[in-house]
């Protein structure tokens, strides 16, 4: 197993090297895989992300979710709690603004913020994953902090957390840290891995 830092560098470089036609084809194929999931079909409040740094683009999923009448949400930096996320409802055409890291997010008012437990289905970006639902993110811990409350739940675990990645991001094994929140599934352009 390669140490986590070199994996991040290697996988991020491989993602960025993909040509635009390959990225579009993978996004379309992954969308088809995801839309076949009962968890997605039954979800009403769906959170997605905006692709950056070569990530698998969930825009086809966003378009499909809107066509299905689902409420779509995007993550925003928590206004007070450091390295944590809240979510804001978003529809195609809504204006996006760069946050303090230069990542686009919707403009919001405090009353529009939605907590992570109030969602039904969350697409989670990642750098690498394994078939058991272990995820390696960018290293900031935003999603882990935002969903850490799942560790305290024994029956109701809240929204389905589903990783979204290219097949090339799959690793044989990722050793999770105690604070890493496991995924319920990972969707790639080839298949759905149930965690």
C-alpha atoms as a PDB file:
ATOM      1  CA  UNK A   1       0.000   0.000   0.000  1.00  0.00           C
ATOM      2  CA  UNK A   2       1.362   3.439  -1.009  1.00  0.00           C
ATOM      3  CA  UNK A   3       1.388   6.114   1.753  1.00  0.00           C
ATOM      4  CA  UNK A   4      -1.589   8.482   1.474  1.00  0.00           C
ATOM      5  CA  UNK A   5       0.267  11.618   0.377  1.00  0.00           C
ATOM      6  CA  UNK A   6       1.804  10.054  -2.780  1.00  0.00           C
ATOM      7  CA  UNK A   7      -1.580   8.500  -3.628  1.00  0.00           C
ATOM      8  CA  UNK A   8      -3.180  11.952  -3.521  1.00  0.00           C
ATOM      9  CA  UNK A   9      -0.543  13.427  -5.815  1.00  0.00           C
ATOM     10  CA  UNK A  10      -0.602  10.491  -8.224  1.00  0.00           C
ATOM     11  CA  UNK A  11      -4.395  10.184  -8.540  1.00  0.00           C
ATOM     12  CA  UNK A  12      -4.955  13.930  -8.827  1.00  0.00           C
ATOM     13  CA  UNK A  13      -2.382  14.068 -11.638  1.00  0.00           C
ATOM     14  CA  UNK A  14      -4.044  11.137 -13.437  1.00  0.00           C
ATOM     15  CA  UNK A  15      -7.470  12.791 -13.186  1.00  0.00           C
ATOM     16  CA  UNK A  16      -6.162  16.052 -14.623  1.00  0.00           C
ATOM     17  CA  UNK A  17      -4.552  14.190 -17.547  1.00  0.00           C
ATOM     18  CA  UNK A  18      -7.891  12.837 -18.806  1.00  0.00           C
ATOM     19  CA  UNK A  19      -8.968  14.517 -22.036  1.00  0.00           C
ATOM     20  CA  UNK A  20     -12.314  16.376 -22.109  1.00  0.00           C
ATOM     21  CA  UNK A  21     -14.072  13.752 -24.272  1.00  0.00           C
ATOM     22  CA  UNK A  22     -13.056  10.993 -21.844  1.00  0.00           C
ATOM     23  CA  UNK A  23     -14.289  13.061 -18.882  1.00  0.00           C
ATOM     24  CA  UNK A  24     -17.663  13.707 -20.522  1.00  0.00           C
ATOM     25  CA  UNK A  25     -18.115  10.023 -21.424  1.00  0.00           C
ATOM     26  CA  UNK A  26     -17.221   8.942 -17.874  1.00  0.00           C
ATOM     27  CA  UNK A  27     -19.598  11.502 -16.341  1.00  0.00           C
ATOM     28  CA  UNK A  28     -22.435  10.282 -18.554  1.00  0.00           C
ATOM     29  CA  UNK A  29     -21.736   6.610 -17.764  1.00  0.00           C
ATOM     30  CA  UNK A  30     -21.407   7.265 -14.013  1.00  0.00           C
ATOM     31  CA  UNK A  31     -24.675   9.206 -14.051  1.00  0.00           C
ATOM     32  CA  UNK A  32     -26.398   6.170 -15.574  1.00  0.00           C
ATOM     33  CA  UNK A  33     -24.925   3.936 -12.846  1.00  0.00           C
ATOM     34  CA  UNK A  34     -25.995   6.326 -10.084  1.00  0.00           C
ATOM     35  CA  UNK A  35     -29.508   6.866 -11.412  1.00  0.00           C
ATOM     36  CA  UNK A  36     -30.095   3.095 -11.319  1.00  0.00           C
ATOM     37  CA  UNK A  37     -29.624   3.087  -7.523  1.00  0.00           C
ATOM     38  CA  UNK A  38     -32.810   2.800  -5.447  1.00  0.00           C
ATOM     39  CA  UNK A  39     -31.264   5.111  -2.844  1.00  0.00           C
ATOM     40  CA  UNK A  40     -30.997   7.855  -5.444  1.00  0.00           C
ATOM     41  CA  UNK A  41     -34.406   7.192  -6.998  1.00  0.00           C
ATOM     42  CA  UNK A  42     -36.089   7.396  -3.574  1.00  0.00           C
ATOM     43  CA  UNK A  43     -34.186  10.480  -2.361  1.00  0.00           C
ATOM     44  CA  UNK A  44     -35.875  13.870  -2.377  1.00  0.00           C
ATOM     45  CA  UNK A  45     -33.087  16.114  -0.999  1.00  0.00           C
ATOM     46  CA  UNK A  46     -29.885  15.424  -2.937  1.00  0.00           C
ATOM     47  CA  UNK A  47     -26.551  17.134  -2.278  1.00  0.00           C
ATOM     48  CA  UNK A  48     -23.910  17.257  -4.992  1.00  0.00           C
ATOM     49  CA  UNK A  49     -20.652  19.119  -5.512  1.00  0.00           C
ATOM     50  CA  UNK A  50     -19.149  21.177  -8.319  1.00  0.00           C
ATOM     51  CA  UNK A  51     -16.219  19.383  -9.961  1.00  0.00           C
ATOM     52  CA  UNK A  52     -12.739  20.844  -9.526  1.00  0.00           C
ATOM     53  CA  UNK A  53      -9.196  19.592 -10.037  1.00  0.00           C
ATOM     54  CA  UNK A  54     -10.225  16.935 -12.565  1.00  0.00           C
ATOM     55  CA  UNK A  55     -12.948  15.375 -10.366  1.00  0.00           C
ATOM     56  CA  UNK A  56     -15.676  13.287 -11.992  1.00  0.00           C
ATOM     57  CA  UNK A  57     -18.309  15.855 -12.935  1.00  0.00           C
ATOM     58  CA  UNK A  58     -21.737  15.323 -11.329  1.00  0.00           C
ATOM     59  CA  UNK A  59     -23.420  17.883 -13.625  1.00  0.00           C
ATOM     60  CA  UNK A  60     -25.332  15.147 -15.535  1.00  0.00           C
ATOM     61  CA  UNK A  61     -26.618  13.884 -12.165  1.00  0.00           C
ATOM     62  CA  UNK A  62     -27.677  17.394 -11.189  1.00  0.00           C
ATOM     63  CA  UNK A  63     -29.583  17.793 -14.450  1.00  0.00           C
ATOM     64  CA  UNK A  64     -31.236  14.382 -14.018  1.00  0.00           C
ATOM     65  CA  UNK A  65     -32.132  15.082 -10.383  1.00  0.00           C
ATOM     66  CA  UNK A  66     -33.758  18.393 -11.351  1.00  0.00           C
ATOM     67  CA  UNK A  67     -35.701  16.667 -14.139  1.00  0.00           C
ATOM     68  CA  UNK A  68     -36.942  14.122 -11.566  1.00  0.00           C
ATOM     69  CA  UNK A  69     -38.216  16.942  -9.326  1.00  0.00           C
ATOM     70  CA  UNK A  70     -35.628  16.463  -6.591  1.00  0.00           C
ATOM     71  CA  UNK A  71     -34.348  19.324  -4.451  1.00  0.00           C
ATOM     72  CA  UNK A  72     -30.634  19.801  -5.150  1.00  0.00           C
ATOM     73  CA  UNK A  73     -28.113  21.210  -2.680  1.00  0.00           C
ATOM     74  CA  UNK A  74     -24.489  22.313  -2.901  1.00  0.00           C
ATOM     75  CA  UNK A  75     -21.999  22.445  -0.037  1.00  0.00           C
ATOM     76  CA  UNK A  76     -20.945  25.777   1.417  1.00  0.00           C
ATOM     77  CA  UNK A  77     -18.299  26.499   4.018  1.00  0.00           C
ATOM     78  CA  UNK A  78     -19.830  26.589   7.477  1.00  0.00           C
ATOM     79  CA  UNK A  79     -20.028  30.248   8.538  1.00  0.00           C
ATOM     80  CA  UNK A  80     -18.690  29.595  12.067  1.00  0.00           C
ATOM     81  CA  UNK A  81     -17.476  26.031  12.547  1.00  0.00           C
ATOM     82  CA  UNK A  82     -14.029  25.637  11.027  1.00  0.00           C
ATOM     83  CA  UNK A  83     -13.539  23.050   8.246  1.00  0.00           C
ATOM     84  CA  UNK A  84     -17.176  22.010   8.184  1.00  0.00           C
ATOM     85  CA  UNK A  85     -19.946  22.193   5.604  1.00  0.00           C
ATOM     86  CA  UNK A  86     -23.573  23.139   5.467  1.00  0.00           C
ATOM     87  CA  UNK A  87     -25.696  22.848   2.349  1.00  0.00           C
ATOM     88  CA  UNK A  88     -27.759  25.326   0.322  1.00  0.00           C
ATOM     89  CA  UNK A  89     -30.509  24.578  -2.175  1.00  0.00           C
ATOM     90  CA  UNK A  90     -29.416  25.292  -5.733  1.00  0.00           C
ATOM     91  CA  UNK A  91     -31.113  25.216  -9.131  1.00  0.00           C
ATOM     92  CA  UNK A  92     -29.546  25.543 -12.584  1.00  0.00           C
ATOM     93  CA  UNK A  93     -29.155  29.228 -13.345  1.00  0.00           C
ATOM     94  CA  UNK A  94     -28.549  30.287  -9.724  1.00  0.00           C
ATOM     95  CA  UNK A  95     -25.464  32.471  -9.471  1.00  0.00           C
ATOM     96  CA  UNK A  96     -22.325  31.046  -7.866  1.00  0.00           C
ATOM     97  CA  UNK A  97     -19.577  33.000  -6.113  1.00  0.00           C
ATOM     98  CA  UNK A  98     -16.050  31.987  -5.125  1.00  0.00           C
ATOM     99  CA  UNK A  99     -15.599  31.210  -1.426  1.00  0.00           C
ATOM    100  CA  UNK A 100     -12.415  32.024   0.486  1.00  0.00           C
ATOM    101  CA  UNK A 101     -10.618  29.143  -1.273  1.00  0.00           C
ATOM    102  CA  UNK A 102     -11.784  30.213  -4.728  1.00  0.00           C
ATOM    103  CA  UNK A 103     -14.307  27.326  -4.971  1.00  0.00           C
ATOM    104  CA  UNK A 104     -17.695  28.258  -6.413  1.00  0.00           C
ATOM    105  CA  UNK A 105     -20.639  28.048  -4.051  1.00  0.00           C
ATOM    106  CA  UNK A 106     -24.137  29.562  -3.944  1.00  0.00           C
ATOM    107  CA  UNK A 107     -24.738  32.840  -2.174  1.00  0.00           C
ATOM    108  CA  UNK A 108     -26.793  32.121   0.909  1.00  0.00           C
ATOM    109  CA  UNK A 109     -28.617  33.619   3.839  1.00  0.00           C
ATOM    110  CA  UNK A 110     -28.462  32.009   7.296  1.00  0.00           C
ATOM    111  CA  UNK A 111     -32.072  30.817   7.102  1.00  0.00           C
ATOM    112  CA  UNK A 112     -31.280  28.956   3.846  1.00  0.00           C
ATOM    113  CA  UNK A 113     -28.541  26.755   5.357  1.00  0.00           C
ATOM    114  CA  UNK A 114     -29.407  23.062   5.679  1.00  0.00           C
ATOM    115  CA  UNK A 115     -27.598  20.744   8.076  1.00  0.00           C
ATOM    116  CA  UNK A 116     -26.073  17.524   6.760  1.00  0.00           C
ATOM    117  CA  UNK A 117     -28.519  15.262   8.605  1.00  0.00           C
ATOM    118  CA  UNK A 118     -31.490  16.872   6.814  1.00  0.00           C
ATOM    119  CA  UNK A 119     -30.445  15.495   3.402  1.00  0.00           C
ATOM    120  CA  UNK A 120     -31.419  12.141   1.861  1.00  0.00           C
ATOM    121  CA  UNK A 121     -28.507  11.478  -0.476  1.00  0.00           C
ATOM    122  CA  UNK A 122     -25.055  13.069  -0.650  1.00  0.00           C
ATOM    123  CA  UNK A 123     -22.581  12.718  -3.509  1.00  0.00           C
ATOM    124  CA  UNK A 124     -19.139  12.947  -1.958  1.00  0.00           C
ATOM    125  CA  UNK A 125     -16.023  13.926  -3.933  1.00  0.00           C
ATOM    126  CA  UNK A 126     -12.860  11.963  -3.272  1.00  0.00           C
ATOM    127  CA  UNK A 127      -9.292  11.409  -4.389  1.00  0.00           C
ATOM    128  CA  UNK A 128      -9.149   7.630  -3.877  1.00  0.00           C
ATOM    129  CA  UNK A 129     -11.398   4.850  -2.576  1.00  0.00           C
ATOM    130  CA  UNK A 130     -11.510   1.111  -2.010  1.00  0.00           C
ATOM    131  CA  UNK A 131     -14.318  -1.406  -2.540  1.00  0.00           C
ATOM    132  CA  UNK A 132     -15.172  -1.406   1.197  1.00  0.00           C
ATOM    133  CA  UNK A 133     -16.281   2.247   1.141  1.00  0.00           C
ATOM    134  CA  UNK A 134     -13.126   3.794   2.567  1.00  0.00           C
ATOM    135  CA  UNK A 135     -12.422   7.209   1.084  1.00  0.00           C
ATOM    136  CA  UNK A 136      -9.394   9.430   0.842  1.00  0.00           C
ATOM    137  CA  UNK A 137     -10.355  13.061   0.371  1.00  0.00           C
ATOM    138  CA  UNK A 138      -8.258  16.121  -0.272  1.00  0.00           C
ATOM    139  CA  UNK A 139      -6.991  16.082   3.314  1.00  0.00           C
ATOM    140  CA  UNK A 140      -9.005  18.932   4.847  1.00  0.00           C
ATOM    141  CA  UNK A 141     -11.556  16.713   6.594  1.00  0.00           C
ATOM    142  CA  UNK A 142     -14.578  18.833   5.626  1.00  0.00           C
ATOM    143  CA  UNK A 143     -16.915  15.922   4.827  1.00  0.00           C
ATOM    144  CA  UNK A 144     -15.655  13.851   7.785  1.00  0.00           C
ATOM    145  CA  UNK A 145     -16.364  16.701  10.214  1.00  0.00           C
ATOM    146  CA  UNK A 146     -19.733  17.436   8.622  1.00  0.00           C
ATOM    147  CA  UNK A 147     -20.914  13.824   8.939  1.00  0.00           C
ATOM    148  CA  UNK A 148     -19.066  12.779  12.127  1.00  0.00           C
ATOM    149  CA  UNK A 149     -22.439  12.642  13.929  1.00  0.00           C
ATOM    150  CA  UNK A 150     -23.073   9.340  12.065  1.00  0.00           C
ATOM    151  CA  UNK A 151     -20.657   7.614  14.466  1.00  0.00           C
ATOM    152  CA  UNK A 152     -23.066   8.326  17.331  1.00  0.00           C
ATOM    153  CA  UNK A 153     -26.062   6.801  15.529  1.00  0.00           C
ATOM    154  CA  UNK A 154     -26.894   3.117  15.840  1.00  0.00           C
ATOM    155  CA  UNK A 155     -30.167   2.865  13.919  1.00  0.00           C
ATOM    156  CA  UNK A 156     -30.737   5.924  11.768  1.00  0.00           C
ATOM    157  CA  UNK A 157     -27.568   6.923   9.903  1.00  0.00           C
ATOM    158  CA  UNK A 158     -29.051   9.835   7.985  1.00  0.00           C
ATOM    159  CA  UNK A 159     -28.427  10.429   4.296  1.00  0.00           C
ATOM    160  CA  UNK A 160     -26.750   7.906   2.031  1.00  0.00           C
ATOM    161  CA  UNK A 161     -23.135   8.970   1.520  1.00  0.00           C
ATOM    162  CA  UNK A 162     -22.037   7.980  -1.955  1.00  0.00           C
ATOM    163  CA  UNK A 163     -18.567   8.574  -3.337  1.00  0.00           C
ATOM    164  CA  UNK A 164     -18.303   9.625  -6.976  1.00  0.00           C
ATOM    165  CA  UNK A 165     -15.087   8.873  -8.833  1.00  0.00           C
ATOM    166  CA  UNK A 166     -13.375   7.547 -11.909  1.00  0.00           C
ATOM    167  CA  UNK A 167     -12.536   3.849 -11.846  1.00  0.00           C
ATOM    168  CA  UNK A 168      -8.846   4.832 -12.033  1.00  0.00           C
ATOM    169  CA  UNK A 169      -9.157   6.239  -8.493  1.00  0.00           C
ATOM    170  CA  UNK A 170      -9.850   2.795  -6.992  1.00  0.00           C
ATOM    171  CA  UNK A 171      -7.151   1.410  -4.698  1.00  0.00           C
ATOM    172  CA  UNK A 172      -6.781  -2.116  -3.378  1.00  0.00           C
ATOM    173  CA  UNK A 173      -7.012  -0.919   0.225  1.00  0.00           C
ATOM    174  CA  UNK A 174      -7.219   2.408   2.027  1.00  0.00           C
ATOM    175  CA  UNK A 175      -6.564   2.278   5.751  1.00  0.00           C
ATOM    176  CA  UNK A 176      -9.078   4.628   7.368  1.00  0.00           C
ATOM    177  CA  UNK A 177      -8.303   6.865  10.303  1.00  0.00           C
ATOM    178  CA  UNK A 178     -10.644   6.755  13.291  1.00  0.00           C
ATOM    179  CA  UNK A 179     -12.322  10.012  12.189  1.00  0.00           C
ATOM    180  CA  UNK A 180     -12.918   8.907   8.569  1.00  0.00           C
ATOM    181  CA  UNK A 181     -16.644   8.536   7.921  1.00  0.00           C
ATOM    182  CA  UNK A 182     -17.190   5.480   5.688  1.00  0.00           C
ATOM    183  CA  UNK A 183     -19.206   5.703   2.503  1.00  0.00           C
ATOM    184  CA  UNK A 184     -22.347   3.666   1.878  1.00  0.00           C
ATOM    185  CA  UNK A 185     -21.334   3.177  -1.751  1.00  0.00           C
ATOM    186  CA  UNK A 186     -19.017   4.461  -4.475  1.00  0.00           C
ATOM    187  CA  UNK A 187     -20.169   5.042  -8.039  1.00  0.00           C
ATOM    188  CA  UNK A 188     -17.791   5.033 -11.000  1.00  0.00           C
ATOM    189  CA  UNK A 189     -18.323   4.990 -14.737  1.00  0.00           C
ATOM    190  CA  UNK A 190     -18.103   1.169 -14.607  1.00  0.00           C
ATOM    191  CA  UNK A 191     -20.099   0.067 -11.563  1.00  0.00           C
ATOM    192  CA  UNK A 192     -21.504   0.709  -8.103  1.00  0.00           C
ATOM    193  CA  UNK A 193     -19.413  -0.521  -5.155  1.00  0.00           C
ATOM    194  CA  UNK A 194     -21.538  -1.049  -2.055  1.00  0.00           C
ATOM    195  CA  UNK A 195     -19.583  -0.190   1.121  1.00  0.00           C
END
